[in-house]
């Protein structure tokens, strides 16, 4: 039972990281791509690169965290 609880907590943390990655992608890539304000256009490339980098890092972190799951059935 302890492995099941541990695995659910690990999946919850990994899901949070994945959702944070999706949110940073939306904030850093999608929103600046729809802006037409000339003041923001100069910084648009930095927002795009930063948004993609943060999103990729958070999604990768979620994948790494999933690696900490324990076997549910003991090996005999």
N, C-alpha and C. Protein backbone atom coordinates (compact mmCIF):
# COMPACT_ATOMS: atom_id res chain seq x y z
N UNK A 1 0.82 -1.20 0.00
CA UNK A 1 0.00 0.00 0.00
C UNK A 1 0.86 1.26 0.00
N UNK A 2 2.02 1.19 0.64
CA UNK A 2 2.88 2.37 0.71
C UNK A 2 3.40 2.75 -0.68
N UNK A 3 3.69 1.75 -1.53
CA UNK A 3 4.16 2.06 -2.88
C UNK A 3 3.08 2.74 -3.70
N UNK A 4 1.84 2.33 -3.49
CA UNK A 4 0.73 2.93 -4.24
C UNK A 4 0.57 4.40 -3.86
N UNK A 5 0.66 4.71 -2.59
CA UNK A 5 0.54 6.10 -2.13
C UNK A 5 1.73 6.91 -2.65
N UNK A 6 2.92 6.34 -2.57
CA UNK A 6 4.11 7.03 -3.07
C UNK A 6 3.98 7.34 -4.56
N UNK A 7 3.53 6.36 -5.33
CA UNK A 7 3.38 6.54 -6.78
C UNK A 7 2.35 7.62 -7.11
N UNK A 8 1.27 7.66 -6.35
CA UNK A 8 0.25 8.68 -6.61
C UNK A 8 0.79 10.08 -6.30
N UNK A 9 1.58 10.20 -5.25
CA UNK A 9 2.19 11.49 -4.93
C UNK A 9 3.19 11.90 -6.00
N UNK A 10 3.95 10.95 -6.50
CA UNK A 10 4.92 11.24 -7.56
C UNK A 10 4.19 11.68 -8.82
N UNK A 11 3.10 11.00 -9.17
CA UNK A 11 2.34 11.37 -10.35
C UNK A 11 1.71 12.76 -10.19
N UNK A 12 1.28 13.10 -8.98
CA UNK A 12 0.70 14.41 -8.74
C UNK A 12 1.73 15.52 -8.93
N UNK A 13 2.93 15.32 -8.43
CA UNK A 13 4.00 16.31 -8.60
C UNK A 13 4.39 16.43 -10.08
N UNK A 14 4.47 15.29 -10.77
CA UNK A 14 4.82 15.32 -12.19
C UNK A 14 3.74 16.01 -13.01
N UNK A 15 2.48 15.80 -12.64
CA UNK A 15 1.38 16.47 -13.34
C UNK A 15 1.44 17.97 -13.12
N UNK A 16 1.77 18.39 -11.90
CA UNK A 16 1.92 19.82 -11.62
C UNK A 16 3.01 20.43 -12.50
N UNK A 17 4.16 19.76 -12.58
CA UNK A 17 5.26 20.27 -13.41
C UNK A 17 4.86 20.35 -14.88
N UNK A 18 4.15 19.35 -15.36
CA UNK A 18 3.71 19.33 -16.75
C UNK A 18 2.72 20.48 -17.02
N UNK A 19 1.77 20.68 -16.10
CA UNK A 19 0.81 21.77 -16.27
C UNK A 19 1.49 23.13 -16.18
N UNK A 20 2.48 23.27 -15.31
CA UNK A 20 3.22 24.53 -15.23
C UNK A 20 3.99 24.77 -16.53
N UNK A 21 4.50 23.71 -17.14
CA UNK A 21 5.17 23.84 -18.44
C UNK A 21 4.22 24.29 -19.53
N UNK A 22 3.01 23.76 -19.53
CA UNK A 22 2.01 24.16 -20.51
C UNK A 22 1.63 25.62 -20.30
N UNK A 23 1.47 26.02 -19.04
CA UNK A 23 1.12 27.42 -18.75
C UNK A 23 2.24 28.37 -19.16
N UNK A 24 3.49 27.99 -18.92
CA UNK A 24 4.59 28.86 -19.32
C UNK A 24 4.72 28.92 -20.84
N UNK A 25 4.39 27.84 -21.51
CA UNK A 25 4.38 27.87 -22.98
C UNK A 25 3.31 28.85 -23.46
N UNK A 26 2.13 28.79 -22.85
CA UNK A 26 1.06 29.69 -23.25
C UNK A 26 1.43 31.14 -22.96
N UNK A 27 2.00 31.39 -21.80
CA UNK A 27 2.34 32.76 -21.43
C UNK A 27 3.53 33.28 -22.21
N UNK A 28 4.51 32.43 -22.47
CA UNK A 28 5.73 32.90 -23.10
C UNK A 28 5.75 32.82 -24.61
N UNK A 29 4.88 32.01 -25.20
CA UNK A 29 4.91 31.83 -26.65
C UNK A 29 3.61 32.29 -27.30
N UNK A 30 2.50 31.78 -26.84
CA UNK A 30 1.24 32.08 -27.52
C UNK A 30 0.80 33.53 -27.33
N UNK A 31 0.84 34.01 -26.11
CA UNK A 31 0.37 35.38 -25.84
C UNK A 31 1.23 36.42 -26.56
N UNK A 32 2.56 36.38 -26.47
CA UNK A 32 3.35 37.38 -27.21
C UNK A 32 3.22 37.27 -28.73
N UNK A 33 2.89 36.10 -29.25
CA UNK A 33 2.76 35.98 -30.70
C UNK A 33 1.50 36.67 -31.22
N UNK A 34 0.54 36.94 -30.35
CA UNK A 34 -0.68 37.63 -30.77
C UNK A 34 -0.65 39.13 -30.50
N UNK A 35 0.41 39.62 -29.89
CA UNK A 35 0.48 41.05 -29.60
C UNK A 35 0.96 41.81 -30.83
N UNK A 36 0.44 43.00 -31.01
CA UNK A 36 0.85 43.86 -32.13
C UNK A 36 1.36 45.19 -31.62
N UNK A 37 1.60 45.30 -30.34
CA UNK A 37 2.10 46.53 -29.74
C UNK A 37 3.56 46.72 -30.14
N UNK A 38 3.95 47.83 -30.76
CA UNK A 38 5.32 48.00 -31.22
C UNK A 38 6.34 48.05 -30.08
N UNK A 39 5.91 48.43 -28.89
CA UNK A 39 6.85 48.48 -27.77
C UNK A 39 7.26 47.07 -27.38
N UNK A 40 6.34 46.12 -27.46
CA UNK A 40 6.61 44.75 -27.04
C UNK A 40 7.30 43.95 -28.14
N UNK A 41 7.17 44.38 -29.40
CA UNK A 41 7.72 43.59 -30.51
C UNK A 41 9.22 43.38 -30.39
N UNK A 42 9.94 44.34 -29.85
CA UNK A 42 11.38 44.18 -29.71
C UNK A 42 11.75 43.09 -28.73
N UNK A 43 10.90 42.84 -27.76
CA UNK A 43 11.17 41.81 -26.75
C UNK A 43 10.50 40.49 -27.07
N UNK A 44 9.81 40.43 -28.17
CA UNK A 44 9.03 39.24 -28.50
C UNK A 44 9.92 38.00 -28.65
N UNK A 45 11.07 38.15 -29.25
CA UNK A 45 11.97 37.01 -29.44
C UNK A 45 12.46 36.49 -28.09
N UNK A 46 12.77 37.39 -27.18
CA UNK A 46 13.22 36.95 -25.85
C UNK A 46 12.11 36.21 -25.12
N UNK A 47 10.88 36.69 -25.24
CA UNK A 47 9.76 36.00 -24.62
C UNK A 47 9.56 34.62 -25.23
N UNK A 48 9.69 34.52 -26.54
CA UNK A 48 9.52 33.24 -27.20
C UNK A 48 10.58 32.23 -26.76
N UNK A 49 11.83 32.66 -26.78
CA UNK A 49 12.92 31.75 -26.39
C UNK A 49 12.79 31.38 -24.92
N UNK A 50 12.52 32.37 -24.07
CA UNK A 50 12.36 32.09 -22.64
C UNK A 50 11.18 31.19 -22.35
N UNK A 51 10.07 31.43 -23.00
CA UNK A 51 8.88 30.59 -22.79
C UNK A 51 9.11 29.16 -23.22
N UNK A 52 9.75 28.98 -24.36
CA UNK A 52 10.04 27.62 -24.83
C UNK A 52 11.02 26.93 -23.90
N UNK A 53 12.05 27.65 -23.46
CA UNK A 53 13.05 27.04 -22.58
C UNK A 53 12.45 26.64 -21.23
N UNK A 54 11.66 27.52 -20.64
CA UNK A 54 11.05 27.19 -19.35
C UNK A 54 10.04 26.06 -19.50
N UNK A 55 9.25 26.10 -20.56
CA UNK A 55 8.27 25.03 -20.79
C UNK A 55 8.95 23.68 -20.97
N UNK A 56 10.00 23.66 -21.78
CA UNK A 56 10.72 22.40 -22.00
C UNK A 56 11.36 21.88 -20.72
N UNK A 57 11.91 22.80 -19.92
CA UNK A 57 12.54 22.38 -18.66
C UNK A 57 11.51 21.81 -17.69
N UNK A 58 10.35 22.43 -17.59
CA UNK A 58 9.34 21.93 -16.66
C UNK A 58 8.75 20.60 -17.11
N UNK A 59 8.52 20.44 -18.38
CA UNK A 59 8.01 19.16 -18.88
C UNK A 59 9.06 18.06 -18.70
N UNK A 60 10.32 18.39 -18.94
CA UNK A 60 11.40 17.41 -18.72
C UNK A 60 11.51 17.06 -17.24
N UNK A 61 11.34 18.05 -16.37
CA UNK A 61 11.37 17.78 -14.93
C UNK A 61 10.25 16.83 -14.54
N UNK A 62 9.07 17.01 -15.11
CA UNK A 62 7.96 16.09 -14.85
C UNK A 62 8.30 14.67 -15.28
N UNK A 63 8.98 14.53 -16.41
CA UNK A 63 9.38 13.20 -16.87
C UNK A 63 10.42 12.58 -15.94
N UNK A 64 11.34 13.39 -15.46
CA UNK A 64 12.36 12.89 -14.54
C UNK A 64 11.72 12.45 -13.22
N UNK A 65 10.77 13.24 -12.74
CA UNK A 65 10.09 12.90 -11.49
C UNK A 65 9.35 11.58 -11.62
N UNK A 66 8.78 11.29 -12.78
CA UNK A 66 8.09 10.01 -12.97
C UNK A 66 9.04 8.83 -12.83
N UNK A 67 10.33 9.06 -13.02
CA UNK A 67 11.30 7.99 -12.85
C UNK A 67 11.47 7.54 -11.41
N UNK A 68 10.95 8.31 -10.45
CA UNK A 68 11.05 7.96 -9.05
C UNK A 68 9.90 7.07 -8.57
N UNK A 69 9.07 6.61 -9.49
CA UNK A 69 7.98 5.72 -9.09
C UNK A 69 8.54 4.37 -8.66
N UNK A 70 7.89 3.77 -7.69
CA UNK A 70 8.33 2.47 -7.17
C UNK A 70 7.49 1.37 -7.80
N UNK A 71 8.04 0.16 -7.83
CA UNK A 71 7.29 -0.98 -8.33
C UNK A 71 6.14 -1.26 -7.38
N UNK A 72 4.98 -1.53 -7.96
CA UNK A 72 3.83 -1.83 -7.12
C UNK A 72 3.84 -3.26 -6.62
N UNK A 73 4.42 -4.13 -7.40
CA UNK A 73 4.44 -5.54 -7.02
C UNK A 73 5.87 -5.92 -6.69
N UNK A 74 6.10 -6.46 -5.50
CA UNK A 74 7.48 -6.82 -5.13
C UNK A 74 7.99 -7.96 -6.01
N UNK A 75 9.25 -7.85 -6.35
CA UNK A 75 9.89 -8.88 -7.17
C UNK A 75 10.21 -10.07 -6.27
N UNK A 76 9.88 -11.26 -6.75
CA UNK A 76 10.16 -12.44 -5.91
C UNK A 76 11.30 -13.25 -6.47
